[in-house]
């Protein structure tokens, strides 16, 4: 088959020959965009791994007392936002920890969103969020 069926905005279809210059250019641009996306994804993963390494080095260089203090401070805030307040992921990040939007993805990367989502079951979620006026 040397034709492609193209969906038009109005819901109709158009048969386009695969060797049509406009089709070939659109295909080239699509492939170029996909490659840029794949390259960006690899760069993001590399940056994440570098940050993880740097963060582990930081943790390992803390004294025992500093680790205890860091643990206490973080868990205290998680308890405040998740158990006492039943806050959303963003609420805990922004209002309890005092972070900005720059921490949203980092919170996901370190597993905080997964932790947040696992703290309450569906029944608790419905009770808190779906029954609010």
N, C-alpha and C. Protein backbone atom coordinates (compact mmCIF):
# COMPACT_ATOMS: atom_id res chain seq x y z
N UNK A 1 0.85 -1.18 0.00
CA UNK A 1 0.00 0.00 0.00
C UNK A 1 0.89 1.24 0.00
N UNK A 2 0.64 2.14 -0.91
CA UNK A 2 1.48 3.33 -0.99
C UNK A 2 0.67 4.61 -0.76
N UNK A 3 -0.37 4.48 0.08
CA UNK A 3 -1.19 5.63 0.44
C UNK A 3 -1.45 5.62 1.94
N UNK A 4 -1.71 6.80 2.47
CA UNK A 4 -2.08 6.92 3.88
C UNK A 4 -3.43 7.62 3.95
N UNK A 5 -4.26 7.18 4.89
CA UNK A 5 -5.54 7.85 5.10
C UNK A 5 -5.31 8.90 6.18
N UNK A 6 -5.62 10.12 5.85
CA UNK A 6 -5.39 11.25 6.74
C UNK A 6 -6.73 11.75 7.29
N UNK A 7 -6.84 11.89 8.61
CA UNK A 7 -8.04 12.43 9.24
C UNK A 7 -8.01 13.95 9.13
N UNK A 8 -9.11 14.52 8.67
CA UNK A 8 -9.22 15.97 8.57
C UNK A 8 -9.94 16.52 9.80
N UNK A 9 -9.74 17.78 10.08
CA UNK A 9 -10.32 18.41 11.27
C UNK A 9 -11.85 18.34 11.27
N UNK A 10 -12.47 18.35 10.11
CA UNK A 10 -13.93 18.33 10.04
C UNK A 10 -14.51 16.92 10.14
N UNK A 11 -13.65 15.92 10.35
CA UNK A 11 -14.12 14.54 10.49
C UNK A 11 -14.04 13.74 9.21
N UNK A 12 -13.77 14.39 8.10
CA UNK A 12 -13.63 13.67 6.83
C UNK A 12 -12.26 13.02 6.74
N UNK A 13 -12.06 12.27 5.69
CA UNK A 13 -10.78 11.60 5.45
C UNK A 13 -10.26 12.01 4.08
N UNK A 14 -8.95 11.96 3.96
CA UNK A 14 -8.31 12.25 2.69
C UNK A 14 -7.23 11.19 2.46
N UNK A 15 -7.16 10.65 1.27
CA UNK A 15 -6.14 9.67 0.94
C UNK A 15 -4.93 10.43 0.39
N UNK A 16 -3.78 10.23 1.02
CA UNK A 16 -2.56 10.95 0.66
C UNK A 16 -1.52 9.93 0.19
N UNK A 17 -0.95 10.13 -1.00
CA UNK A 17 0.11 9.21 -1.44
C UNK A 17 1.32 9.33 -0.51
N UNK A 18 1.95 8.20 -0.19
CA UNK A 18 3.08 8.20 0.74
C UNK A 18 4.30 8.94 0.19
N UNK A 19 4.35 9.15 -1.10
CA UNK A 19 5.49 9.88 -1.66
C UNK A 19 5.16 11.36 -1.87
N UNK A 20 4.03 11.81 -1.34
CA UNK A 20 3.64 13.21 -1.44
C UNK A 20 4.65 14.06 -0.64
N UNK A 21 5.20 15.12 -1.23
CA UNK A 21 6.21 15.94 -0.54
C UNK A 21 5.72 16.50 0.80
N UNK A 22 4.47 16.92 0.89
CA UNK A 22 3.95 17.45 2.15
C UNK A 22 3.90 16.35 3.21
N UNK A 23 3.48 15.17 2.79
CA UNK A 23 3.44 14.04 3.73
C UNK A 23 4.84 13.69 4.20
N UNK A 24 5.79 13.64 3.28
CA UNK A 24 7.17 13.30 3.63
C UNK A 24 7.77 14.34 4.58
N UNK A 25 7.50 15.60 4.34
CA UNK A 25 8.00 16.67 5.22
C UNK A 25 7.37 16.57 6.60
N UNK A 26 6.07 16.32 6.65
CA UNK A 26 5.39 16.17 7.94
C UNK A 26 5.96 14.96 8.69
N UNK A 27 6.21 13.88 7.98
CA UNK A 27 6.80 12.69 8.61
C UNK A 27 8.20 12.99 9.15
N UNK A 28 9.00 13.72 8.38
CA UNK A 28 10.35 14.09 8.82
C UNK A 28 10.28 14.95 10.08
N UNK A 29 9.38 15.92 10.10
CA UNK A 29 9.23 16.79 11.27
C UNK A 29 8.77 15.99 12.49
N UNK A 30 7.87 15.06 12.27
CA UNK A 30 7.38 14.22 13.38
C UNK A 30 8.52 13.38 13.97
N UNK A 31 9.31 12.78 13.08
CA UNK A 31 10.44 11.97 13.54
C UNK A 31 11.49 12.82 14.25
N UNK A 32 11.72 14.02 13.75
CA UNK A 32 12.67 14.94 14.38
C UNK A 32 12.18 15.33 15.78
N UNK A 33 10.90 15.61 15.90
CA UNK A 33 10.33 15.97 17.21
C UNK A 33 10.41 14.80 18.18
N UNK A 34 10.13 13.60 17.69
CA UNK A 34 10.22 12.41 18.55
C UNK A 34 11.65 12.17 19.02
N UNK A 35 12.62 12.42 18.14
CA UNK A 35 14.02 12.25 18.52
C UNK A 35 14.42 13.28 19.58
N UNK A 36 13.96 14.52 19.41
CA UNK A 36 14.25 15.56 20.40
C UNK A 36 13.64 15.19 21.75
N UNK A 37 12.44 14.64 21.71
CA UNK A 37 11.78 14.22 22.95
C UNK A 37 12.56 13.08 23.61
N UNK A 38 13.02 12.12 22.82
CA UNK A 38 13.81 11.01 23.36
C UNK A 38 15.13 11.52 23.94
N UNK A 39 15.78 12.46 23.25
CA UNK A 39 17.03 13.03 23.75
C UNK A 39 16.80 13.78 25.06
N UNK A 40 15.72 14.55 25.13
CA UNK A 40 15.40 15.29 26.34
C UNK A 40 15.13 14.34 27.50
N UNK A 41 14.41 13.27 27.22
CA UNK A 41 14.11 12.28 28.25
C UNK A 41 15.40 11.67 28.80
N UNK A 42 16.35 11.38 27.93
CA UNK A 42 17.63 10.84 28.38
C UNK A 42 18.40 11.85 29.22
N UNK A 43 18.36 13.11 28.82
CA UNK A 43 19.03 14.17 29.59
C UNK A 43 18.40 14.31 30.98
N UNK A 44 17.07 14.24 31.04
CA UNK A 44 16.38 14.33 32.32
C UNK A 44 16.76 13.16 33.22
N UNK A 45 16.83 11.97 32.68
CA UNK A 45 17.19 10.79 33.47
C UNK A 45 18.63 10.90 33.96
N UNK A 46 19.52 11.39 33.11
CA UNK A 46 20.92 11.58 33.51
C UNK A 46 21.02 12.60 34.65
N UNK A 47 20.29 13.71 34.53
CA UNK A 47 20.30 14.75 35.58
C UNK A 47 19.74 14.18 36.88
N UNK A 48 18.69 13.37 36.78
CA UNK A 48 18.11 12.76 37.98
C UNK A 48 19.12 11.85 38.67
N UNK A 49 19.82 11.04 37.89
CA UNK A 49 20.82 10.13 38.47
C UNK A 49 21.96 10.90 39.11
N UNK A 50 22.38 12.00 38.48
CA UNK A 50 23.45 12.83 39.05
C UNK A 50 22.98 13.45 40.37
N UNK A 51 21.74 13.92 40.40
CA UNK A 51 21.21 14.50 41.62
C UNK A 51 21.12 13.45 42.72
N UNK A 52 20.66 12.26 42.37
CA UNK A 52 20.56 11.17 43.36
C UNK A 52 21.94 10.88 43.96
N UNK A 53 22.95 10.83 43.11
CA UNK A 53 24.31 10.57 43.59
C UNK A 53 24.79 11.70 44.52
N UNK A 54 24.57 12.94 44.09
CA UNK A 54 24.97 14.09 44.89
C UNK A 54 24.24 14.10 46.23
N UNK A 55 22.94 13.78 46.21
CA UNK A 55 22.16 13.77 47.43
C UNK A 55 22.62 12.66 48.37
N UNK A 56 22.93 11.49 47.83
CA UNK A 56 23.44 10.39 48.66
C UNK A 56 24.78 10.76 49.29
N UNK A 57 25.64 11.43 48.52
CA UNK A 57 26.93 11.88 49.06
C UNK A 57 26.70 12.87 50.20
N UNK A 58 25.76 13.80 50.00
CA UNK A 58 25.44 14.76 51.06
C UNK A 58 24.99 14.02 52.31
N UNK A 59 24.06 13.07 52.18
CA UNK A 59 23.54 12.31 53.32
C UNK A 59 24.66 11.55 54.02
N UNK A 60 25.50 10.91 53.24
CA UNK A 60 26.59 10.11 53.82
C UNK A 60 27.64 10.96 54.52
N UNK A 61 27.72 12.23 54.19
CA UNK A 61 28.68 13.12 54.84
C UNK A 61 28.12 13.81 56.08
N UNK A 62 26.83 13.61 56.35
CA UNK A 62 26.26 14.17 57.58
C UNK A 62 26.73 13.34 58.77
N UNK A 63 26.82 13.99 59.90
CA UNK A 63 27.11 13.25 61.13
C UNK A 63 25.85 12.47 61.51
N UNK A 64 26.00 11.56 62.43
CA UNK A 64 24.85 10.79 62.90
C UNK A 64 23.78 11.71 63.46
N UNK A 65 24.19 12.69 64.27
CA UNK A 65 23.22 13.63 64.85
C UNK A 65 22.52 14.47 63.77
N UNK A 66 23.26 14.87 62.75
CA UNK A 66 22.65 15.64 61.66
C UNK A 66 21.62 14.79 60.90
N UNK A 67 21.93 13.52 60.69
CA UNK A 67 20.96 12.61 60.05
C UNK A 67 19.71 12.47 60.91
N UNK A 68 19.91 12.33 62.21
CA UNK A 68 18.76 12.21 63.12
C UNK A 68 17.90 13.47 63.05
N UNK A 69 18.55 14.64 63.04
CA UNK A 69 17.81 15.90 62.96
C UNK A 69 17.07 16.02 61.63
N UNK A 70 17.72 15.66 60.53
CA UNK A 70 17.09 15.73 59.21
C UNK A 70 15.88 14.79 59.15
N UNK A 71 16.05 13.58 59.64
CA UNK A 71 14.97 12.60 59.66
C UNK A 71 13.78 13.13 60.48
N UNK A 72 14.07 13.62 61.65
CA UNK A 72 13.02 14.14 62.53
C UNK A 72 12.26 15.28 61.85
N UNK A 73 13.00 16.22 61.27
CA UNK A 73 12.38 17.38 60.64
C UNK A 73 11.47 16.97 59.48
N UNK A 74 11.92 16.04 58.67
CA UNK A 74 11.13 15.62 57.50
C UNK A 74 9.91 14.83 57.94
N UNK A 75 10.08 13.85 58.81
CA UNK A 75 8.95 13.03 59.23
C UNK A 75 7.92 13.85 59.99
N UNK A 76 8.38 14.78 60.80
CA UNK A 76 7.47 15.66 61.53
C UNK A 76 6.56 16.41 60.56
N UNK A 77 7.12 16.90 59.47
CA UNK A 77 6.35 17.64 58.48
C UNK A 77 5.43 16.73 57.67
N UNK A 78 5.90 15.56 57.34
CA UNK A 78 5.04 14.60 56.64
C UNK A 78 3.85 14.24 57.53
N UNK A 79 4.11 13.99 58.81
CA UNK A 79 3.03 13.66 59.74
C UNK A 79 2.02 14.81 59.83
N UNK A 80 2.53 16.03 59.93
CA UNK A 80 1.67 17.21 60.03
C UNK A 80 0.76 17.31 58.80
N UNK A 81 1.35 17.23 57.63
CA UNK A 81 0.58 17.43 56.40
C UNK A 81 -0.29 16.27 56.00
N UNK A 82 0.20 15.07 56.23
CA UNK A 82 -0.51 13.88 55.76
C UNK A 82 -1.51 13.34 56.77
N UNK A 83 -1.17 13.33 58.05
CA UNK A 83 -2.02 12.70 59.07
C UNK A 83 -2.91 13.72 59.77
N UNK A 84 -2.29 14.79 60.27
CA UNK A 84 -3.09 15.78 61.01
C UNK A 84 -4.00 16.58 60.09
N UNK A 85 -3.47 17.05 58.96
CA UNK A 85 -4.21 17.96 58.08
C UNK A 85 -4.89 17.22 56.92
N UNK A 86 -4.39 16.05 56.58
CA UNK A 86 -4.88 15.33 55.39
C UNK A 86 -4.76 16.19 54.14
N UNK A 87 -3.62 16.85 54.01
CA UNK A 87 -3.42 17.76 52.90
C UNK A 87 -3.15 17.04 51.59
N UNK A 88 -3.33 17.78 50.51
CA UNK A 88 -2.99 17.25 49.19
C UNK A 88 -1.48 17.22 49.04
N UNK A 89 -1.02 16.59 48.00
CA UNK A 89 0.41 16.54 47.70
C UNK A 89 0.98 17.95 47.63
N UNK A 90 0.33 18.82 46.86
CA UNK A 90 0.81 20.20 46.73
C UNK A 90 0.74 20.95 48.07
N UNK A 91 -0.34 20.74 48.82
CA UNK A 91 -0.47 21.42 50.11
C UNK A 91 0.72 21.09 51.01
N UNK A 92 1.06 19.81 51.09
CA UNK A 92 2.16 19.41 51.96
C UNK A 92 3.47 20.01 51.47
N UNK A 93 3.71 19.93 50.17
CA UNK A 93 4.95 20.51 49.62
C UNK A 93 5.04 22.02 49.87
N UNK A 94 3.97 22.73 49.54
CA UNK A 94 4.01 24.19 49.55
C UNK A 94 3.74 24.79 50.92
N UNK A 95 2.75 24.26 51.62
CA UNK A 95 2.33 24.89 52.88
C UNK A 95 3.00 24.31 54.11
N UNK A 96 3.32 23.05 54.10
CA UNK A 96 3.94 22.43 55.27
C UNK A 96 5.46 22.52 55.17
N UNK A 97 6.00 22.13 54.02
CA UNK A 97 7.46 22.20 53.86
C UNK A 97 7.93 23.58 53.45
N UNK A 98 7.04 24.39 52.86
CA UNK A 98 7.43 25.72 52.42
C UNK A 98 8.17 25.75 51.10
N UNK A 99 8.03 24.70 50.29
CA UNK A 99 8.69 24.65 49.00
C UNK A 99 7.87 25.39 47.95
N UNK A 100 8.49 25.62 46.80
CA UNK A 100 7.81 26.20 45.66
C UNK A 100 7.54 25.12 44.62
N UNK A 101 6.96 25.54 43.49
CA UNK A 101 6.62 24.59 42.44
C UNK A 101 7.83 23.82 41.89
N UNK A 102 9.03 24.36 42.09
CA UNK A 102 10.23 23.67 41.61
C UNK A 102 10.43 22.31 42.28
N UNK A 103 9.78 22.09 43.42
CA UNK A 103 9.92 20.81 44.13
C UNK A 103 8.89 19.78 43.71
N UNK A 104 7.93 20.16 42.88
CA UNK A 104 6.87 19.24 42.50
C UNK A 104 7.43 17.95 41.89
N UNK A 105 8.26 18.08 40.86
CA UNK A 105 8.83 16.90 40.20
C UNK A 105 9.86 16.20 41.09
N UNK A 106 10.63 16.97 41.82
CA UNK A 106 11.61 16.33 42.71
C UNK A 106 10.91 15.51 43.78
N UNK A 107 9.76 15.98 44.24
CA UNK A 107 8.96 15.22 45.19
C UNK A 107 8.48 13.92 44.58
N UNK A 108 8.16 13.96 43.30
CA UNK A 108 7.76 12.74 42.61
C UNK A 108 8.97 11.82 42.43
N UNK A 109 10.10 12.40 42.04
CA UNK A 109 11.30 11.60 41.79
C UNK A 109 11.75 10.83 43.04
N UNK A 110 11.63 11.45 44.20
CA UNK A 110 12.10 10.80 45.42
C UNK A 110 11.06 9.86 46.03
N UNK A 111 9.85 9.83 45.45
CA UNK A 111 8.83 8.91 45.93
C UNK A 111 7.81 9.52 46.86
N UNK A 112 7.89 10.84 47.09
CA UNK A 112 6.94 11.43 48.02
C UNK A 112 5.50 11.35 47.53
N UNK A 113 5.28 11.54 46.22
CA UNK A 113 3.91 11.45 45.74
C UNK A 113 3.36 10.04 45.93
N UNK A 114 4.18 9.02 45.67
CA UNK A 114 3.74 7.64 45.88
C UNK A 114 3.43 7.41 47.36
N UNK A 115 4.27 7.94 48.22
CA UNK A 115 4.03 7.84 49.67
C UNK A 115 2.73 8.54 50.03
N UNK A 116 2.56 9.76 49.54
CA UNK A 116 1.35 10.54 49.80
C UNK A 116 0.11 9.76 49.37
N UNK A 117 0.15 9.20 48.16
CA UNK A 117 -1.01 8.48 47.63
C UNK A 117 -1.29 7.18 48.36
N UNK A 118 -0.28 6.63 49.01
CA UNK A 118 -0.48 5.35 49.71
C UNK A 118 -0.95 5.54 51.15
N UNK A 119 -0.92 6.75 51.65
CA UNK A 119 -1.24 6.99 53.06
C UNK A 119 -2.73 6.79 53.35
N UNK A 120 -3.60 7.14 52.44
CA UNK A 120 -5.02 6.95 52.70
C UNK A 120 -5.61 6.00 51.67
N UNK A 121 -6.58 5.22 52.12
CA UNK A 121 -7.25 4.32 51.18
C UNK A 121 -8.38 5.06 50.48
N UNK A 122 -9.04 4.41 49.55
CA UNK A 122 -10.08 5.06 48.74
C UNK A 122 -11.23 5.57 49.60
N UNK A 123 -11.60 4.80 50.62
CA UNK A 123 -12.70 5.23 51.50
C UNK A 123 -12.36 6.53 52.22
N UNK A 124 -11.14 6.62 52.74
CA UNK A 124 -10.71 7.85 53.41
C UNK A 124 -10.68 9.02 52.42
N UNK A 125 -10.17 8.75 51.22
CA UNK A 125 -10.09 9.80 50.19
C UNK A 125 -11.49 10.33 49.89
N UNK A 126 -12.44 9.42 49.68
CA UNK A 126 -13.80 9.84 49.38
C UNK A 126 -14.41 10.64 50.53
N UNK A 127 -14.13 10.20 51.74
CA UNK A 127 -14.67 10.89 52.91
C UNK A 127 -14.14 12.32 53.00
N UNK A 128 -12.87 12.49 52.72
CA UNK A 128 -12.24 13.80 52.85
C UNK A 128 -12.53 14.71 51.66
N UNK A 129 -12.35 14.20 50.44
CA UNK A 129 -12.38 15.05 49.27
C UNK A 129 -13.72 15.07 48.53
N UNK A 130 -14.43 14.00 48.48
CA UNK A 130 -15.67 13.97 47.69
C UNK A 130 -16.87 14.48 48.46
N UNK A 131 -16.79 14.50 49.77
CA UNK A 131 -17.93 14.95 50.57
C UNK A 131 -17.80 16.39 51.04
N UNK A 132 -16.80 17.10 50.53
CA UNK A 132 -16.63 18.50 50.91
C UNK A 132 -17.64 19.36 50.15
N UNK A 133 -18.19 20.36 50.80
CA UNK A 133 -19.18 21.24 50.11
C UNK A 133 -18.52 22.08 49.02
